[in-house]
Amino acid sequence: MRYFGLENAVFATRISSPNKEALIRELADLTLSRENLSRDQVEAAARSLMGREEVGTTGIGLGIAVPHTRFTCSPSVRVSWAVVDPPVHFGALDGLPVKLACCIISPPNQPGDILRTLESTH
């Protein structure tokens, strides 16, 4: 079984952000940290993640969020995991703040890879 994006995943032990937007920015930076991207490109990825949040929260409940987006500067699926301490309110349906975040960024020409990544993380 191929674990989409997980072979190059970045794991952080702790991220401390004051709010959802700051957390999204840190996650974009963490997820794309192995790429040779400019600050502007990483900021564009963060805006893309925030745009996805405007469609609907990726806070899935039980203290978990899975922000994800398709982004042109990502050569393949990129994943990062982070413990969020202190927890951040993310607008999850159960109202619980996020304690664990998994960020997924994939190229726009591979739309199914986000779903395959989610399937392979369980």
PDB file of N, CA and C in Angstrom:
ATOM      1  N   MET A   1       0.845  -1.182   0.000  1.00  0.00           N
ATOM      2  CA  MET A   1       0.000   0.000   0.000  1.00  0.00           C
ATOM      3  C   MET A   1       0.888   1.243   0.000  1.00  0.00           C
ATOM      4  N   ARG A   2       0.573   2.177  -0.833  1.00  0.00           N
ATOM      5  CA  ARG A   2       1.312   3.433  -0.871  1.00  0.00           C
ATOM      6  C   ARG A   2       0.656   4.419   0.092  1.00  0.00           C
ATOM      7  N   TYR A   3       1.471   5.035   0.929  1.00  0.00           N
ATOM      8  CA  TYR A   3       0.971   6.027   1.871  1.00  0.00           C
ATOM      9  C   TYR A   3       1.197   7.404   1.263  1.00  0.00           C
ATOM     10  N   PHE A   4       0.193   7.905   0.574  1.00  0.00           N
ATOM     11  CA  PHE A   4       0.293   9.156  -0.157  1.00  0.00           C
ATOM     12  C   PHE A   4       0.744  10.286   0.744  1.00  0.00           C
ATOM     13  N   GLY A   5       1.886  10.865   0.434  1.00  0.00           N
ATOM     14  CA  GLY A   5       2.365  12.038   1.151  1.00  0.00           C
ATOM     15  C   GLY A   5       3.044  11.736   2.464  1.00  0.00           C
ATOM     16  N   LEU A   6       2.819  10.565   3.018  1.00  0.00           N
ATOM     17  CA  LEU A   6       3.352  10.284   4.345  1.00  0.00           C
ATOM     18  C   LEU A   6       4.833   9.955   4.328  1.00  0.00           C
ATOM     19  N   GLU A   7       5.347   9.481   3.184  1.00  0.00           N
ATOM     20  CA  GLU A   7       6.777   9.181   3.116  1.00  0.00           C
ATOM     21  C   GLU A   7       7.629  10.448   3.252  1.00  0.00           C
ATOM     22  N   ASN A   8       7.056  11.609   2.954  1.00  0.00           N
ATOM     23  CA  ASN A   8       7.770  12.886   3.084  1.00  0.00           C
ATOM     24  C   ASN A   8       7.142  13.777   4.143  1.00  0.00           C
ATOM     25  N   ALA A   9       6.374  13.202   5.035  1.00  0.00           N
ATOM     26  CA  ALA A   9       5.660  14.005   6.026  1.00  0.00           C
ATOM     27  C   ALA A   9       6.624  14.696   6.984  1.00  0.00           C
ATOM     28  N   VAL A  10       6.179  15.851   7.457  1.00  0.00           N
ATOM     29  CA  VAL A  10       6.927  16.604   8.462  1.00  0.00           C
ATOM     30  C   VAL A  10       6.136  16.494   9.759  1.00  0.00           C
ATOM     31  N   PHE A  11       6.823  16.122  10.823  1.00  0.00           N
ATOM     32  CA  PHE A  11       6.174  15.986  12.119  1.00  0.00           C
ATOM     33  C   PHE A  11       6.742  17.026  13.070  1.00  0.00           C
ATOM     34  N   ALA A  12       5.880  17.753  13.719  1.00  0.00           N
ATOM     35  CA  ALA A  12       6.302  18.737  14.714  1.00  0.00           C
ATOM     36  C   ALA A  12       5.754  18.279  16.059  1.00  0.00           C
ATOM     37  N   THR A  13       6.503  18.481  17.080  1.00  0.00           N
ATOM     38  CA  THR A  13       6.019  18.067  18.383  1.00  0.00           C
ATOM     39  C   THR A  13       5.055  19.088  18.970  1.00  0.00           C
ATOM     40  N   ARG A  14       5.230  20.366  18.593  1.00  0.00           N
ATOM     41  CA  ARG A  14       4.376  21.381  19.194  1.00  0.00           C
ATOM     42  C   ARG A  14       4.359  22.647  18.332  1.00  0.00           C
ATOM     43  N   ILE A  15       3.159  23.179  18.161  1.00  0.00           N
ATOM     44  CA  ILE A  15       2.979  24.490  17.548  1.00  0.00           C
ATOM     45  C   ILE A  15       2.156  25.317  18.526  1.00  0.00           C
ATOM     46  N   SER A  16       2.597  26.514  18.756  1.00  0.00           N
ATOM     47  CA  SER A  16       1.871  27.420  19.644  1.00  0.00           C
ATOM     48  C   SER A  16       1.442  28.631  18.830  1.00  0.00           C
ATOM     49  N   SER A  17       0.143  28.757  18.592  1.00  0.00           N
ATOM     50  CA  SER A  17      -0.409  29.857  17.809  1.00  0.00           C
ATOM     51  C   SER A  17      -1.581  30.467  18.562  1.00  0.00           C
ATOM     52  N   PRO A  18      -1.738  31.795  18.469  1.00  0.00           N
ATOM     53  CA  PRO A  18      -2.807  32.442  19.230  1.00  0.00           C
ATOM     54  C   PRO A  18      -4.208  32.255  18.648  1.00  0.00           C
ATOM     55  N   ASN A  19      -4.298  31.920  17.337  1.00  0.00           N
ATOM     56  CA  ASN A  19      -5.615  31.807  16.711  1.00  0.00           C
ATOM     57  C   ASN A  19      -5.532  30.936  15.455  1.00  0.00           C
ATOM     58  N   LYS A  20      -6.671  30.698  14.846  1.00  0.00           N
ATOM     59  CA  LYS A  20      -6.774  29.827  13.677  1.00  0.00           C
ATOM     60  C   LYS A  20      -5.914  30.310  12.515  1.00  0.00           C
ATOM     61  N   GLU A  21      -5.981  31.596  12.196  1.00  0.00           N
ATOM     62  CA  GLU A  21      -5.222  32.111  11.053  1.00  0.00           C
ATOM     63  C   GLU A  21      -3.723  31.960  11.267  1.00  0.00           C
ATOM     64  N   ALA A  22      -3.244  32.256  12.462  1.00  0.00           N
ATOM     65  CA  ALA A  22      -1.817  32.097  12.761  1.00  0.00           C
ATOM     66  C   ALA A  22      -1.410  30.630  12.690  1.00  0.00           C
ATOM     67  N   LEU A  23      -2.293  29.751  13.157  1.00  0.00           N
ATOM     68  CA  LEU A  23      -2.014  28.316  13.091  1.00  0.00           C
ATOM     69  C   LEU A  23      -1.926  27.856  11.643  1.00  0.00           C
ATOM     70  N   ILE A  24      -2.833  28.313  10.807  1.00  0.00           N
ATOM     71  CA  ILE A  24      -2.810  27.964   9.376  1.00  0.00           C
ATOM     72  C   ILE A  24      -1.492  28.423   8.748  1.00  0.00           C
ATOM     73  N   ARG A  25      -1.045  29.627   9.070  1.00  0.00           N
ATOM     74  CA  ARG A  25       0.216  30.134   8.519  1.00  0.00           C
ATOM     75  C   ARG A  25       1.400  29.253   8.963  1.00  0.00           C
ATOM     76  N   GLU A  26       1.419  28.887  10.230  1.00  0.00           N
ATOM     77  CA  GLU A  26       2.495  28.024  10.727  1.00  0.00           C
ATOM     78  C   GLU A  26       2.447  26.655  10.061  1.00  0.00           C
ATOM     79  N   LEU A  27       1.248  26.122   9.873  1.00  0.00           N
ATOM     80  CA  LEU A  27       1.117  24.818   9.221  1.00  0.00           C
ATOM     81  C   LEU A  27       1.583  24.870   7.766  1.00  0.00           C
ATOM     82  N   ALA A  28       1.260  25.943   7.061  1.00  0.00           N
ATOM     83  CA  ALA A  28       1.725  26.087   5.668  1.00  0.00           C
ATOM     84  C   ALA A  28       3.247  26.122   5.639  1.00  0.00           C
ATOM     85  N   ASP A  29       3.825  26.881   6.549  1.00  0.00           N
ATOM     86  CA  ASP A  29       5.283  26.989   6.624  1.00  0.00           C
ATOM     87  C   ASP A  29       5.904  25.628   6.943  1.00  0.00           C
ATOM     88  N   LEU A  30       5.341  24.933   7.900  1.00  0.00           N
ATOM     89  CA  LEU A  30       5.842  23.617   8.294  1.00  0.00           C
ATOM     90  C   LEU A  30       5.704  22.606   7.157  1.00  0.00           C
ATOM     91  N   THR A  31       4.540  22.577   6.538  1.00  0.00           N
ATOM     92  CA  THR A  31       4.260  21.595   5.487  1.00  0.00           C
ATOM     93  C   THR A  31       5.171  21.773   4.283  1.00  0.00           C
ATOM     94  N   LEU A  32       5.477  23.014   3.954  1.00  0.00           N
ATOM     95  CA  LEU A  32       6.302  23.302   2.777  1.00  0.00           C
ATOM     96  C   LEU A  32       7.756  23.588   3.130  1.00  0.00           C
ATOM     97  N   SER A  33       8.155  23.280   4.355  1.00  0.00           N
ATOM     98  CA  SER A  33       9.500  23.627   4.824  1.00  0.00           C
ATOM     99  C   SER A  33      10.609  22.929   4.046  1.00  0.00           C
ATOM    100  N   ARG A  34      10.329  21.802   3.445  1.00  0.00           N
ATOM    101  CA  ARG A  34      11.365  21.075   2.690  1.00  0.00           C
ATOM    102  C   ARG A  34      11.448  21.515   1.229  1.00  0.00           C
ATOM    103  N   GLU A  35      10.572  22.412   0.842  1.00  0.00           N
ATOM    104  CA  GLU A  35      10.581  22.922  -0.528  1.00  0.00           C
ATOM    105  C   GLU A  35      11.425  24.201  -0.569  1.00  0.00           C
ATOM    106  N   ASN A  36      11.923  24.522  -1.712  1.00  0.00           N
ATOM    107  CA  ASN A  36      12.694  25.745  -1.882  1.00  0.00           C
ATOM    108  C   ASN A  36      11.754  26.848  -2.378  1.00  0.00           C
ATOM    109  N   LEU A  37      10.900  27.337  -1.471  1.00  0.00           N
ATOM    110  CA  LEU A  37       9.882  28.314  -1.836  1.00  0.00           C
ATOM    111  C   LEU A  37      10.164  29.656  -1.169  1.00  0.00           C
ATOM    112  N   SER A  38       9.721  30.709  -1.824  1.00  0.00           N
ATOM    113  CA  SER A  38       9.862  32.052  -1.253  1.00  0.00           C
ATOM    114  C   SER A  38       8.818  32.263  -0.164  1.00  0.00           C
ATOM    115  N   ARG A  39       9.007  33.276   0.652  1.00  0.00           N
ATOM    116  CA  ARG A  39       8.023  33.642   1.676  1.00  0.00           C
ATOM    117  C   ARG A  39       6.676  33.925   1.030  1.00  0.00           C
ATOM    118  N   ASP A  40       6.706  34.603  -0.147  1.00  0.00           N
ATOM    119  CA  ASP A  40       5.459  34.925  -0.850  1.00  0.00           C
ATOM    120  C   ASP A  40       4.715  33.659  -1.268  1.00  0.00           C
ATOM    121  N   GLN A  41       5.439  32.643  -1.704  1.00  0.00           N
ATOM    122  CA  GLN A  41       4.806  31.393  -2.114  1.00  0.00           C
ATOM    123  C   GLN A  41       4.191  30.673  -0.913  1.00  0.00           C
ATOM    124  N   VAL A  42       4.897  30.657   0.202  1.00  0.00           N
ATOM    125  CA  VAL A  42       4.357  30.020   1.411  1.00  0.00           C
ATOM    126  C   VAL A  42       3.135  30.792   1.901  1.00  0.00           C
ATOM    127  N   GLU A  43       3.200  32.106   1.829  1.00  0.00           N
ATOM    128  CA  GLU A  43       2.047  32.930   2.223  1.00  0.00           C
ATOM    129  C   GLU A  43       0.862  32.667   1.294  1.00  0.00           C
ATOM    130  N   ALA A  44       1.125  32.466   0.003  1.00  0.00           N
ATOM    131  CA  ALA A  44       0.051  32.141  -0.941  1.00  0.00           C
ATOM    132  C   ALA A  44      -0.581  30.793  -0.581  1.00  0.00           C
ATOM    133  N   ALA A  45       0.231  29.840  -0.149  1.00  0.00           N
ATOM    134  CA  ALA A  45      -0.305  28.542   0.287  1.00  0.00           C
ATOM    135  C   ALA A  45      -1.174  28.730   1.525  1.00  0.00           C
ATOM    136  N   ALA A  46      -0.737  29.567   2.458  1.00  0.00           N
ATOM    137  CA  ALA A  46      -1.532  29.842   3.661  1.00  0.00           C
ATOM    138  C   ALA A  46      -2.869  30.482   3.279  1.00  0.00           C
ATOM    139  N   ARG A  47      -2.849  31.408   2.326  1.00  0.00           N
ATOM    140  CA  ARG A  47      -4.100  32.023   1.873  1.00  0.00           C
ATOM    141  C   ARG A  47      -5.017  30.989   1.222  1.00  0.00           C
ATOM    142  N   SER A  48      -4.422  30.049   0.494  1.00  0.00           N
ATOM    143  CA  SER A  48      -5.205  28.982  -0.122  1.00  0.00           C
ATOM    144  C   SER A  48      -5.851  28.105   0.950  1.00  0.00           C
ATOM    145  N   LEU A  49      -5.103  27.786   2.000  1.00  0.00           N
ATOM    146  CA  LEU A  49      -5.664  27.019   3.115  1.00  0.00           C
ATOM    147  C   LEU A  49      -6.789  27.794   3.792  1.00  0.00           C
ATOM    148  N   MET A  50      -6.601  29.094   3.990  1.00  0.00           N
ATOM    149  CA  MET A  50      -7.643  29.915   4.617  1.00  0.00           C
ATOM    150  C   MET A  50      -8.874  29.991   3.710  1.00  0.00           C
ATOM    151  N   GLY A  51      -8.648  30.054   2.398  1.00  0.00           N
ATOM    152  CA  GLY A  51      -9.770  30.056   1.461  1.00  0.00           C
ATOM    153  C   GLY A  51     -10.595  28.787   1.591  1.00  0.00           C
ATOM    154  N   ARG A  52      -9.923  27.674   1.793  1.00  0.00           N
ATOM    155  CA  ARG A  52     -10.635  26.400   2.010  1.00  0.00           C
ATOM    156  C   ARG A  52     -11.441  26.462   3.301  1.00  0.00           C
ATOM    157  N   GLU A  53     -10.908  27.097   4.328  1.00  0.00           N
ATOM    158  CA  GLU A  53     -11.621  27.228   5.600  1.00  0.00           C
ATOM    159  C   GLU A  53     -12.884  28.070   5.450  1.00  0.00           C
ATOM    160  N   GLU A  54     -12.879  29.016   4.507  1.00  0.00           N
ATOM    161  CA  GLU A  54     -14.059  29.849   4.277  1.00  0.00           C
ATOM    162  C   GLU A  54     -15.209  29.033   3.681  1.00  0.00           C
ATOM    163  N   VAL A  55     -14.871  27.977   2.953  1.00  0.00           N
ATOM    164  CA  VAL A  55     -15.893  27.085   2.390  1.00  0.00           C
ATOM    165  C   VAL A  55     -16.567  26.296   3.506  1.00  0.00           C
ATOM    166  N   GLY A  56     -15.794  25.905   4.475  1.00  0.00           N
ATOM    167  CA  GLY A  56     -16.276  25.143   5.626  1.00  0.00           C
ATOM    168  C   GLY A  56     -15.094  24.725   6.474  1.00  0.00           C
ATOM    169  N   THR A  57     -15.301  24.674   7.758  1.00  0.00           N
ATOM    170  CA  THR A  57     -14.197  24.345   8.644  1.00  0.00           C
ATOM    171  C   THR A  57     -13.652  22.946   8.374  1.00  0.00           C
ATOM    172  N   THR A  58     -12.357  22.801   8.534  1.00  0.00           N
ATOM    173  CA  THR A  58     -11.729  21.485   8.458  1.00  0.00           C
ATOM    174  C   THR A  58     -11.466  20.951   9.864  1.00  0.00           C
ATOM    175  N   GLY A  59     -12.029  21.626  10.861  1.00  0.00           N
ATOM    176  CA  GLY A  59     -12.016  21.107  12.216  1.00  0.00           C
ATOM    177  C   GLY A  59     -13.043  19.989  12.274  1.00  0.00           C
ATOM    178  N   ILE A  60     -12.581  18.744  12.309  1.00  0.00           N
ATOM    179  CA  ILE A  60     -13.497  17.613  12.177  1.00  0.00           C
ATOM    180  C   ILE A  60     -14.078  17.155  13.509  1.00  0.00           C
ATOM    181  N   GLY A  61     -13.626  17.749  14.595  1.00  0.00           N
ATOM    182  CA  GLY A  61     -14.146  17.400  15.916  1.00  0.00           C
ATOM    183  C   GLY A  61     -13.147  16.611  16.727  1.00  0.00           C
ATOM    184  N   LEU A  62     -13.488  16.439  18.002  1.00  0.00           N
ATOM    185  CA  LEU A  62     -12.638  15.707  18.940  1.00  0.00           C
ATOM    186  C   LEU A  62     -11.231  16.290  19.043  1.00  0.00           C
ATOM    187  N   GLY A  63     -11.105  17.590  18.767  1.00  0.00           N
ATOM    188  CA  GLY A  63      -9.813  18.261  18.884  1.00  0.00           C
ATOM    189  C   GLY A  63      -8.889  18.080  17.696  1.00  0.00           C
ATOM    190  N   ILE A  64      -9.437  17.657  16.555  1.00  0.00           N
ATOM    191  CA  ILE A  64      -8.621  17.387  15.367  1.00  0.00           C
ATOM    192  C   ILE A  64      -9.041  18.288  14.214  1.00  0.00           C
ATOM    193  N   ALA A  65      -8.052  18.809  13.484  1.00  0.00           N
ATOM    194  CA  ALA A  65      -8.307  19.579  12.264  1.00  0.00           C
ATOM    195  C   ALA A  65      -7.434  19.014  11.141  1.00  0.00           C
ATOM    196  N   VAL A  66      -7.978  19.046   9.926  1.00  0.00           N
ATOM    197  CA  VAL A  66      -7.253  18.571   8.749  1.00  0.00           C
ATOM    198  C   VAL A  66      -7.339  19.632   7.651  1.00  0.00           C
ATOM    199  N   PRO A  67      -6.668  20.775   7.855  1.00  0.00           N
ATOM    200  CA  PRO A  67      -6.674  21.782   6.795  1.00  0.00           C
ATOM    201  C   PRO A  67      -5.967  21.236   5.557  1.00  0.00           C
ATOM    202  N   HIS A  68      -6.565  21.484   4.402  1.00  0.00           N
ATOM    203  CA  HIS A  68      -6.006  20.955   3.171  1.00  0.00           C
ATOM    204  C   HIS A  68      -6.341  21.873   2.004  1.00  0.00           C
ATOM    205  N   THR A  69      -5.491  21.796   0.982  1.00  0.00           N
ATOM    206  CA  THR A  69      -5.711  22.594  -0.213  1.00  0.00           C
ATOM    207  C   THR A  69      -4.892  22.017  -1.357  1.00  0.00           C
ATOM    208  N   ARG A  70      -5.237  22.451  -2.559  1.00  0.00           N
ATOM    209  CA  ARG A  70      -4.403  22.179  -3.729  1.00  0.00           C
ATOM    210  C   ARG A  70      -3.666  23.479  -4.036  1.00  0.00           C
ATOM    211  N   PHE A  71      -2.371  23.345  -4.318  1.00  0.00           N
ATOM    212  CA  PHE A  71      -1.530  24.532  -4.483  1.00  0.00           C
ATOM    213  C   PHE A  71      -0.497  24.296  -5.578  1.00  0.00           C
ATOM    214  N   THR A  72      -0.351  25.254  -6.468  1.00  0.00           N
ATOM    215  CA  THR A  72       0.491  25.089  -7.656  1.00  0.00           C
ATOM    216  C   THR A  72       1.968  24.874  -7.354  1.00  0.00           C
ATOM    217  N   CYS A  73       2.491  25.371  -6.263  1.00  0.00           N
ATOM    218  CA  CYS A  73       3.924  25.255  -5.971  1.00  0.00           C
ATOM    219  C   CYS A  73       4.304  23.953  -5.279  1.00  0.00           C
ATOM    220  N   SER A  74       3.341  23.107  -5.009  1.00  0.00           N
ATOM    221  CA  SER A  74       3.638  21.831  -4.361  1.00  0.00           C
ATOM    222  C   SER A  74       3.891  20.779  -5.441  1.00  0.00           C
ATOM    223  N   PRO A  75       5.103  20.195  -5.487  1.00  0.00           N
ATOM    224  CA  PRO A  75       5.415  19.225  -6.538  1.00  0.00           C
ATOM    225  C   PRO A  75       4.685  17.893  -6.375  1.00  0.00           C
ATOM    226  N   SER A  76       4.332  17.562  -5.158  1.00  0.00           N
ATOM    227  CA  SER A  76       3.571  16.355  -4.859  1.00  0.00           C
ATOM    228  C   SER A  76       2.892  16.567  -3.508  1.00  0.00           C
ATOM    229  N   VAL A  77       2.171  15.575  -3.051  1.00  0.00           N
ATOM    230  CA  VAL A  77       1.463  15.728  -1.780  1.00  0.00           C
ATOM    231  C   VAL A  77       2.464  15.968  -0.659  1.00  0.00           C
ATOM    232  N   ARG A  78       2.181  16.984   0.147  1.00  0.00           N
ATOM    233  CA  ARG A  78       3.001  17.308   1.316  1.00  0.00           C
ATOM    234  C   ARG A  78       2.097  17.283   2.537  1.00  0.00           C
ATOM    235  N   VAL A  79       2.582  16.669   3.606  1.00  0.00           N
ATOM    236  CA  VAL A  79       1.791  16.492   4.820  1.00  0.00           C
ATOM    237  C   VAL A  79       2.610  16.932   6.026  1.00  0.00           C
ATOM    238  N   SER A  80       1.954  17.556   6.975  1.00  0.00           N
ATOM    239  CA  SER A  80       2.595  17.820   8.265  1.00  0.00           C
ATOM    240  C   SER A  80       1.609  17.517   9.374  1.00  0.00           C
ATOM    241  N   TRP A  81       2.145  17.094  10.507  1.00  0.00           N
ATOM    242  CA  TRP A  81       1.364  16.819  11.709  1.00  0.00           C
ATOM    243  C   TRP A  81       1.901  17.696  12.816  1.00  0.00           C
ATOM    244  N   ALA A  82       1.023  18.234  13.624  1.00  0.00           N
ATOM    245  CA  ALA A  82       1.473  19.075  14.731  1.00  0.00           C
ATOM    246  C   ALA A  82       0.532  18.963  15.919  1.00  0.00           C
ATOM    247  N   VAL A  83       1.109  18.912  17.087  1.00  0.00           N
ATOM    248  CA  VAL A  83       0.358  19.044  18.327  1.00  0.00           C
ATOM    249  C   VAL A  83       0.197  20.538  18.555  1.00  0.00           C
ATOM    250  N   VAL A  84      -1.025  20.974  18.803  1.00  0.00           N
ATOM    251  CA  VAL A  84      -1.325  22.398  18.979  1.00  0.00           C
ATOM    252  C   VAL A  84      -1.476  22.646  20.483  1.00  0.00           C
ATOM    253  N   ASP A  85      -0.535  23.418  21.026  1.00  0.00           N
ATOM    254  CA  ASP A  85      -0.522  23.647  22.466  1.00  0.00           C
ATOM    255  C   ASP A  85      -0.124  25.093  22.752  1.00  0.00           C
ATOM    256  N   PRO A  86      -1.032  25.890  23.236  1.00  0.00           N
ATOM    257  CA  PRO A  86      -2.361  25.549  23.708  1.00  0.00           C
ATOM    258  C   PRO A  86      -3.328  25.324  22.532  1.00  0.00           C
ATOM    259  N   PRO A  87      -4.415  24.574  22.788  1.00  0.00           N
ATOM    260  CA  PRO A  87      -5.404  24.314  21.741  1.00  0.00           C
ATOM    261  C   PRO A  87      -5.989  25.614  21.169  1.00  0.00           C
ATOM    262  N   VAL A  88      -6.386  25.566  19.901  1.00  0.00           N
ATOM    263  CA  VAL A  88      -6.902  26.735  19.184  1.00  0.00           C
ATOM    264  C   VAL A  88      -8.330  26.456  18.711  1.00  0.00           C
ATOM    265  N   HIS A  89      -9.212  27.405  18.914  1.00  0.00           N
ATOM    266  CA  HIS A  89     -10.581  27.260  18.398  1.00  0.00           C
ATOM    267  C   HIS A  89     -10.541  27.335  16.876  1.00  0.00           C
ATOM    268  N   PHE A  90     -11.208  26.370  16.237  1.00  0.00           N
ATOM    269  CA  PHE A  90     -11.134  26.202  14.791  1.00  0.00           C
ATOM    270  C   PHE A  90     -12.504  26.218  14.141  1.00  0.00           C
ATOM    271  N   GLY A  91     -13.535  26.369  14.944  1.00  0.00           N
ATOM    272  CA  GLY A  91     -14.881  26.360  14.397  1.00  0.00           C
ATOM    273  C   GLY A  91     -15.405  24.970  14.129  1.00  0.00           C
ATOM    274  N   ALA A  92     -14.866  23.973  14.820  1.00  0.00           N
ATOM    275  CA  ALA A  92     -15.331  22.601  14.636  1.00  0.00           C
ATOM    276  C   ALA A  92     -16.787  22.481  15.069  1.00  0.00           C
ATOM    277  N   LEU A  93     -17.504  21.564  14.457  1.00  0.00           N
ATOM    278  CA  LEU A  93     -18.925  21.402  14.747  1.00  0.00           C
ATOM    279  C   LEU A  93     -19.196  21.024  16.201  1.00  0.00           C
ATOM    280  N   ASP A  94     -18.272  20.304  16.833  1.00  0.00           N
ATOM    281  CA  ASP A  94     -18.478  19.942  18.231  1.00  0.00           C
ATOM    282  C   ASP A  94     -18.022  21.035  19.194  1.00  0.00           C
ATOM    283  N   GLY A  95     -17.462  22.129  18.643  1.00  0.00           N
ATOM    284  CA  GLY A  95     -17.067  23.270  19.457  1.00  0.00           C
ATOM    285  C   GLY A  95     -15.762  23.102  20.210  1.00  0.00           C
ATOM    286  N   LEU A  96     -15.126  21.929  20.103  1.00  0.00           N
ATOM    287  CA  LEU A  96     -13.873  21.702  20.821  1.00  0.00           C
ATOM    288  C   LEU A  96     -12.701  22.352  20.094  1.00  0.00           C
ATOM    289  N   PRO A  97     -11.759  22.914  20.837  1.00  0.00           N
ATOM    290  CA  PRO A  97     -10.578  23.489  20.195  1.00  0.00           C
ATOM    291  C   PRO A  97      -9.665  22.392  19.643  1.00  0.00           C
ATOM    292  N   VAL A  98      -8.834  22.762  18.686  1.00  0.00           N
ATOM    293  CA  VAL A  98      -7.937  21.823  18.020  1.00  0.00           C
ATOM    294  C   VAL A  98      -6.689  21.590  18.859  1.00  0.00           C
ATOM    295  N   LYS A  99      -6.389  20.302  19.059  1.00  0.00           N
ATOM    296  CA  LYS A  99      -5.181  19.890  19.771  1.00  0.00           C
ATOM    297  C   LYS A  99      -4.203  19.175  18.844  1.00  0.00           C
ATOM    298  N   LEU A 100      -4.711  18.657  17.714  1.00  0.00           N
ATOM    299  CA  LEU A 100      -3.892  17.941  16.749  1.00  0.00           C
ATOM    300  C   LEU A 100      -4.292  18.393  15.350  1.00  0.00           C
ATOM    301  N   ALA A 101      -3.305  18.776  14.555  1.00  0.00           N
ATOM    302  CA  ALA A 101      -3.584  19.233  13.190  1.00  0.00           C
ATOM    303  C   ALA A 101      -2.766  18.420  12.194  1.00  0.00           C
ATOM    304  N   CYS A 102      -3.422  18.048  11.116  1.00  0.00           N
ATOM    305  CA  CYS A 102      -2.768  17.389   9.991  1.00  0.00           C
ATOM    306  C   CYS A 102      -3.030  18.266   8.773  1.00  0.00           C
ATOM    307  N   CYS A 103      -1.981  18.845   8.218  1.00  0.00           N
ATOM    308  CA  CYS A 103      -2.108  19.738   7.063  1.00  0.00           C
ATOM    309  C   CYS A 103      -1.678  18.984   5.809  1.00  0.00           C
ATOM    310  N   ILE A 104      -2.502  19.081   4.765  1.00  0.00           N
ATOM    311  CA  ILE A 104      -2.212  18.398   3.506  1.00  0.00           C
ATOM    312  C   ILE A 104      -2.252  19.425   2.371  1.00  0.00           C
ATOM    313  N   ILE A 105      -1.164  19.490   1.619  1.00  0.00           N
ATOM    314  CA  ILE A 105      -1.082  20.383   0.459  1.00  0.00           C
ATOM    315  C   ILE A 105      -0.680  19.528  -0.736  1.00  0.00           C
ATOM    316  N   SER A 106      -1.487  19.587  -1.790  1.00  0.00           N
ATOM    317  CA  SER A 106      -1.191  18.775  -2.971  1.00  0.00           C
ATOM    318  C   SER A 106      -1.262  19.628  -4.226  1.00  0.00           C
ATOM    319  N   PRO A 107      -0.640  19.162  -5.308  1.00  0.00           N
ATOM    320  CA  PRO A 107      -0.702  19.901  -6.569  1.00  0.00           C
ATOM    321  C   PRO A 107      -2.112  19.872  -7.145  1.00  0.00           C
ATOM    322  N   PRO A 108      -2.489  20.903  -7.893  1.00  0.00           N
ATOM    323  CA  PRO A 108      -3.843  20.962  -8.444  1.00  0.00           C
ATOM    324  C   PRO A 108      -4.119  19.889  -9.484  1.00  0.00           C
ATOM    325  N   ASN A 109      -3.092  19.344 -10.111  1.00  0.00           N
ATOM    326  CA  ASN A 109      -3.302  18.336 -11.149  1.00  0.00           C
ATOM    327  C   ASN A 109      -3.441  16.929 -10.586  1.00  0.00           C
ATOM    328  N   GLN A 110      -3.490  16.810  -9.242  1.00  0.00           N
ATOM    329  CA  GLN A 110      -3.657  15.508  -8.596  1.00  0.00           C
ATOM    330  C   GLN A 110      -4.773  15.597  -7.553  1.00  0.00           C
ATOM    331  N   PRO A 111      -6.009  15.895  -7.990  1.00  0.00           N
ATOM    332  CA  PRO A 111      -7.086  16.175  -7.039  1.00  0.00           C
ATOM    333  C   PRO A 111      -7.450  15.018  -6.121  1.00  0.00           C
ATOM    334  N   GLY A 112      -7.253  13.796  -6.542  1.00  0.00           N
ATOM    335  CA  GLY A 112      -7.619  12.661  -5.704  1.00  0.00           C
ATOM    336  C   GLY A 112      -6.617  12.334  -4.620  1.00  0.00           C
ATOM    337  N   ASP A 113      -5.410  12.910  -4.711  1.00  0.00           N
ATOM    338  CA  ASP A 113      -4.369  12.551  -3.747  1.00  0.00           C
ATOM    339  C   ASP A 113      -4.684  12.986  -2.326  1.00  0.00           C
ATOM    340  N   ILE A 114      -5.419  14.085  -2.143  1.00  0.00           N
ATOM    341  CA  ILE A 114      -5.800  14.488  -0.787  1.00  0.00           C
ATOM    342  C   ILE A 114      -6.670  13.405  -0.165  1.00  0.00           C
ATOM    343  N   LEU A 115      -7.638  12.891  -0.926  1.00  0.00           N
ATOM    344  CA  LEU A 115      -8.503  11.833  -0.397  1.00  0.00           C
ATOM    345  C   LEU A 115      -7.729  10.555  -0.123  1.00  0.00           C
ATOM    346  N   ARG A 116      -6.831  10.185  -1.021  1.00  0.00           N
ATOM    347  CA  ARG A 116      -6.028   8.982  -0.799  1.00  0.00           C
ATOM    348  C   ARG A 116      -5.120   9.153   0.422  1.00  0.00           C
ATOM    349  N   THR A 117      -4.615  10.367   0.643  1.00  0.00           N
ATOM    350  CA  THR A 117      -3.792  10.628   1.818  1.00  0.00           C
ATOM    351  C   THR A 117      -4.621  10.459   3.078  1.00  0.00           C
ATOM    352  N   LEU A 118      -5.821  11.038   3.082  1.00  0.00           N
ATOM    353  CA  LEU A 118      -6.697  10.894   4.242  1.00  0.00           C
ATOM    354  C   LEU A 118      -7.029   9.427   4.509  1.00  0.00           C
ATOM    355  N   GLU A 119      -7.279   8.667   3.452  1.00  0.00           N
ATOM    356  CA  GLU A 119      -7.594   7.246   3.622  1.00  0.00           C
ATOM    357  C   GLU A 119      -6.422   6.475   4.211  1.00  0.00           C
ATOM    358  N   SER A 120      -5.198   6.862   3.854  1.00  0.00           N
ATOM    359  CA  SER A 120      -4.032   6.105   4.295  1.00  0.00           C
ATOM    360  C   SER A 120      -3.542   6.504   5.680  1.00  0.00           C
ATOM    361  N   THR A 121      -4.141   7.507   6.299  1.00  0.00           N
ATOM    362  CA  THR A 121      -3.682   7.948   7.617  1.00  0.00           C
ATOM    363  C   THR A 121      -4.448   7.299   8.757  1.00  0.00           C
ATOM    364  N   HIS A 122      -5.454   6.509   8.468  1.00  0.00           N
ATOM    365  CA  HIS A 122      -6.246   5.912   9.550  1.00  0.00           C
ATOM    366  C   HIS A 122      -5.643   4.665  10.137  1.00  0.00           C
TER     367      HIS A 122
END
